[in-house]
N, C-alpha and C. Protein backbone atom coordinates (compact mmCIF):
# COMPACT_ATOMS: atom_id res chain seq x y z
N MET A 1 10.49 -15.92 -20.84
CA MET A 1 9.42 -14.94 -20.80
C MET A 1 10.02 -13.57 -20.47
N ASP A 2 9.57 -12.53 -21.15
CA ASP A 2 10.11 -11.20 -20.86
C ASP A 2 9.43 -10.61 -19.63
N ASP A 3 10.01 -9.50 -19.13
CA ASP A 3 9.51 -8.89 -17.89
C ASP A 3 8.04 -8.49 -17.97
N LYS A 4 7.63 -7.96 -19.12
CA LYS A 4 6.23 -7.53 -19.25
C LYS A 4 5.28 -8.72 -19.09
N LYS A 5 5.61 -9.83 -19.73
CA LYS A 5 4.77 -11.03 -19.61
C LYS A 5 4.83 -11.60 -18.20
N ASN A 6 6.01 -11.56 -17.58
CA ASN A 6 6.13 -12.02 -16.20
C ASN A 6 5.26 -11.19 -15.27
N ILE A 7 5.28 -9.88 -15.45
CA ILE A 7 4.47 -8.98 -14.61
C ILE A 7 2.99 -9.26 -14.79
N GLU A 8 2.56 -9.48 -16.02
CA GLU A 8 1.15 -9.82 -16.27
C GLU A 8 0.78 -11.11 -15.56
N LYS A 9 1.64 -12.11 -15.63
CA LYS A 9 1.39 -13.41 -14.99
C LYS A 9 1.41 -13.26 -13.47
N ILE A 10 2.36 -12.48 -12.94
CA ILE A 10 2.44 -12.23 -11.50
C ILE A 10 1.13 -11.62 -11.00
N GLU A 11 0.66 -10.61 -11.71
CA GLU A 11 -0.58 -9.94 -11.32
C GLU A 11 -1.76 -10.91 -11.37
N GLU A 12 -1.78 -11.77 -12.36
CA GLU A 12 -2.84 -12.77 -12.50
C GLU A 12 -2.83 -13.74 -11.31
N VAL A 13 -1.65 -14.23 -10.95
CA VAL A 13 -1.52 -15.16 -9.84
C VAL A 13 -1.89 -14.48 -8.52
N ILE A 14 -1.42 -13.27 -8.30
CA ILE A 14 -1.74 -12.54 -7.07
C ILE A 14 -3.24 -12.30 -6.96
N ASN A 15 -3.88 -12.00 -8.07
CA ASN A 15 -5.33 -11.80 -8.05
C ASN A 15 -6.08 -13.08 -7.68
N ARG A 16 -5.50 -14.23 -7.98
CA ARG A 16 -6.11 -15.51 -7.57
C ARG A 16 -5.89 -15.79 -6.09
N ILE A 17 -4.78 -15.30 -5.53
CA ILE A 17 -4.44 -15.51 -4.12
C ILE A 17 -5.22 -14.55 -3.21
N LYS A 18 -5.47 -13.34 -3.70
CA LYS A 18 -6.12 -12.29 -2.89
C LYS A 18 -7.35 -12.74 -2.11
N PRO A 19 -8.30 -13.45 -2.73
CA PRO A 19 -9.51 -13.82 -1.98
C PRO A 19 -9.22 -14.64 -0.72
N TYR A 20 -8.19 -15.47 -0.74
CA TYR A 20 -7.84 -16.26 0.44
C TYR A 20 -7.34 -15.37 1.57
N LEU A 21 -6.55 -14.37 1.23
CA LEU A 21 -6.06 -13.43 2.24
C LEU A 21 -7.18 -12.51 2.73
N GLN A 22 -8.00 -12.07 1.80
CA GLN A 22 -9.10 -11.18 2.15
C GLN A 22 -10.12 -11.87 3.05
N ALA A 23 -10.28 -13.17 2.92
CA ALA A 23 -11.21 -13.92 3.76
C ALA A 23 -10.81 -13.86 5.24
N ASP A 24 -9.51 -13.64 5.49
CA ASP A 24 -9.01 -13.53 6.87
C ASP A 24 -8.71 -12.08 7.24
N GLY A 25 -9.21 -11.13 6.46
CA GLY A 25 -9.02 -9.71 6.77
C GLY A 25 -7.72 -9.12 6.26
N GLY A 26 -7.00 -9.85 5.45
CA GLY A 26 -5.74 -9.36 4.91
C GLY A 26 -5.87 -9.03 3.43
N ASP A 27 -4.75 -8.67 2.84
CA ASP A 27 -4.71 -8.38 1.41
C ASP A 27 -3.25 -8.37 0.97
N ILE A 28 -3.05 -8.35 -0.32
CA ILE A 28 -1.70 -8.31 -0.90
C ILE A 28 -1.72 -7.37 -2.08
N GLN A 29 -0.64 -6.60 -2.22
CA GLN A 29 -0.51 -5.68 -3.34
C GLN A 29 0.84 -5.94 -4.02
N PHE A 30 0.80 -6.10 -5.34
CA PHE A 30 2.03 -6.26 -6.12
C PHE A 30 2.70 -4.89 -6.24
N LYS A 31 4.00 -4.83 -5.93
CA LYS A 31 4.74 -3.57 -6.02
C LYS A 31 5.58 -3.51 -7.30
N ARG A 32 6.47 -4.51 -7.46
CA ARG A 32 7.34 -4.51 -8.64
C ARG A 32 8.03 -5.87 -8.79
N TYR A 33 8.65 -6.03 -9.95
CA TYR A 33 9.40 -7.24 -10.27
C TYR A 33 10.75 -6.83 -10.81
N GLU A 34 11.83 -7.30 -10.15
CA GLU A 34 13.19 -6.96 -10.58
C GLU A 34 14.11 -8.17 -10.43
N ASN A 35 14.79 -8.52 -11.48
CA ASN A 35 15.82 -9.56 -11.45
C ASN A 35 15.36 -10.86 -10.78
N GLY A 36 14.15 -11.29 -11.11
CA GLY A 36 13.65 -12.55 -10.56
C GLY A 36 13.02 -12.43 -9.18
N VAL A 37 12.98 -11.23 -8.63
CA VAL A 37 12.41 -11.02 -7.30
C VAL A 37 11.11 -10.24 -7.42
N VAL A 38 10.07 -10.76 -6.76
CA VAL A 38 8.77 -10.10 -6.74
C VAL A 38 8.64 -9.38 -5.40
N TYR A 39 8.31 -8.10 -5.45
CA TYR A 39 8.11 -7.30 -4.25
C TYR A 39 6.61 -7.06 -4.09
N VAL A 40 6.09 -7.41 -2.91
CA VAL A 40 4.68 -7.24 -2.60
C VAL A 40 4.56 -6.51 -1.27
N SER A 41 3.33 -6.09 -0.97
CA SER A 41 3.03 -5.52 0.33
C SER A 41 1.83 -6.24 0.90
N LEU A 42 2.02 -6.85 2.07
CA LEU A 42 0.91 -7.49 2.75
C LEU A 42 0.17 -6.42 3.53
N LYS A 43 -1.15 -6.41 3.41
CA LYS A 43 -1.99 -5.36 3.99
C LYS A 43 -2.98 -5.94 5.00
N GLY A 44 -3.67 -5.06 5.67
CA GLY A 44 -4.73 -5.46 6.60
C GLY A 44 -4.18 -6.32 7.72
N SER A 45 -4.93 -7.35 8.09
CA SER A 45 -4.50 -8.20 9.20
C SER A 45 -3.21 -8.95 8.87
N CYS A 46 -2.87 -9.08 7.60
CA CYS A 46 -1.62 -9.75 7.22
C CYS A 46 -0.39 -8.92 7.60
N SER A 47 -0.53 -7.60 7.65
CA SER A 47 0.64 -6.76 7.88
C SER A 47 1.22 -6.93 9.28
N GLY A 48 0.41 -7.25 10.26
CA GLY A 48 0.94 -7.41 11.61
C GLY A 48 0.87 -8.83 12.12
N CYS A 49 0.47 -9.73 11.28
CA CYS A 49 0.26 -11.12 11.70
C CYS A 49 1.60 -11.84 11.86
N PRO A 50 1.76 -12.58 12.97
CA PRO A 50 3.00 -13.35 13.15
C PRO A 50 3.17 -14.45 12.11
N MET A 51 2.07 -14.85 11.46
CA MET A 51 2.13 -15.89 10.44
C MET A 51 2.39 -15.32 9.04
N ALA A 52 2.55 -14.02 8.92
CA ALA A 52 2.71 -13.38 7.60
C ALA A 52 3.89 -13.94 6.82
N SER A 53 5.00 -14.20 7.50
CA SER A 53 6.17 -14.72 6.77
C SER A 53 5.90 -16.12 6.23
N ILE A 54 5.13 -16.90 6.97
CA ILE A 54 4.78 -18.24 6.50
C ILE A 54 3.80 -18.14 5.32
N THR A 55 2.83 -17.24 5.43
CA THR A 55 1.88 -17.02 4.32
C THR A 55 2.64 -16.60 3.08
N LEU A 56 3.58 -15.69 3.25
CA LEU A 56 4.36 -15.19 2.12
C LEU A 56 5.15 -16.32 1.47
N LYS A 57 5.83 -17.11 2.27
CA LYS A 57 6.68 -18.18 1.75
C LYS A 57 5.88 -19.37 1.24
N GLU A 58 4.97 -19.87 2.07
CA GLU A 58 4.26 -21.11 1.75
C GLU A 58 3.15 -20.93 0.72
N MET A 59 2.54 -19.77 0.71
CA MET A 59 1.44 -19.56 -0.24
C MET A 59 1.90 -18.74 -1.44
N VAL A 60 2.25 -17.51 -1.21
CA VAL A 60 2.54 -16.58 -2.30
C VAL A 60 3.78 -17.01 -3.09
N GLU A 61 4.89 -17.18 -2.41
CA GLU A 61 6.14 -17.51 -3.10
C GLU A 61 6.05 -18.86 -3.80
N ASN A 62 5.54 -19.88 -3.13
CA ASN A 62 5.46 -21.21 -3.74
C ASN A 62 4.61 -21.21 -5.00
N VAL A 63 3.47 -20.53 -4.96
CA VAL A 63 2.59 -20.50 -6.13
C VAL A 63 3.26 -19.73 -7.27
N LEU A 64 3.83 -18.57 -6.96
CA LEU A 64 4.48 -17.78 -8.02
C LEU A 64 5.64 -18.53 -8.66
N ILE A 65 6.48 -19.15 -7.84
CA ILE A 65 7.64 -19.88 -8.38
C ILE A 65 7.19 -21.08 -9.21
N SER A 66 6.15 -21.76 -8.76
CA SER A 66 5.70 -22.94 -9.51
C SER A 66 5.10 -22.56 -10.86
N GLU A 67 4.52 -21.37 -10.95
CA GLU A 67 3.89 -20.95 -12.21
C GLU A 67 4.79 -20.10 -13.09
N ILE A 68 5.79 -19.47 -12.49
CA ILE A 68 6.70 -18.60 -13.25
C ILE A 68 8.14 -18.96 -12.85
N PRO A 69 8.78 -19.84 -13.60
CA PRO A 69 10.11 -20.34 -13.22
C PRO A 69 11.19 -19.26 -13.07
N GLU A 70 10.99 -18.12 -13.69
CA GLU A 70 12.00 -17.05 -13.60
C GLU A 70 12.04 -16.41 -12.20
N ILE A 71 11.01 -16.59 -11.43
CA ILE A 71 10.95 -16.00 -10.09
C ILE A 71 11.80 -16.83 -9.13
N ILE A 72 12.63 -16.13 -8.37
CA ILE A 72 13.49 -16.82 -7.41
C ILE A 72 13.11 -16.52 -5.95
N LYS A 73 12.38 -15.41 -5.73
CA LYS A 73 12.07 -15.01 -4.36
C LYS A 73 10.93 -14.00 -4.36
N VAL A 74 10.20 -13.96 -3.23
CA VAL A 74 9.17 -12.94 -3.01
C VAL A 74 9.49 -12.24 -1.71
N ILE A 75 9.48 -10.90 -1.75
CA ILE A 75 9.82 -10.09 -0.57
C ILE A 75 8.65 -9.19 -0.24
N ASN A 76 8.31 -9.13 1.06
CA ASN A 76 7.27 -8.24 1.55
C ASN A 76 7.87 -6.88 1.87
N GLU A 77 7.36 -5.84 1.26
CA GLU A 77 7.77 -4.46 1.54
C GLU A 77 6.56 -3.71 2.10
N ASN A 78 6.63 -3.32 3.34
CA ASN A 78 5.52 -2.55 3.91
C ASN A 78 5.83 -1.09 3.96
């Protein structure tokens, strides 16, 4: 899959994840995709939450990697 299609799929997956984060007062914003790495920004209550790294790894990263094999990692940039 080319980068444009990957970005479209990334945005689609993130939009499906957003309601779960928003239900707890948080949010997520897609920043960019480079060389298999997705850069996001966790917002709201997610930005200062001690569980944010677990949310990022267990929810966001796992879902993105399972749906888009080209993705190798997700990084939070605040």
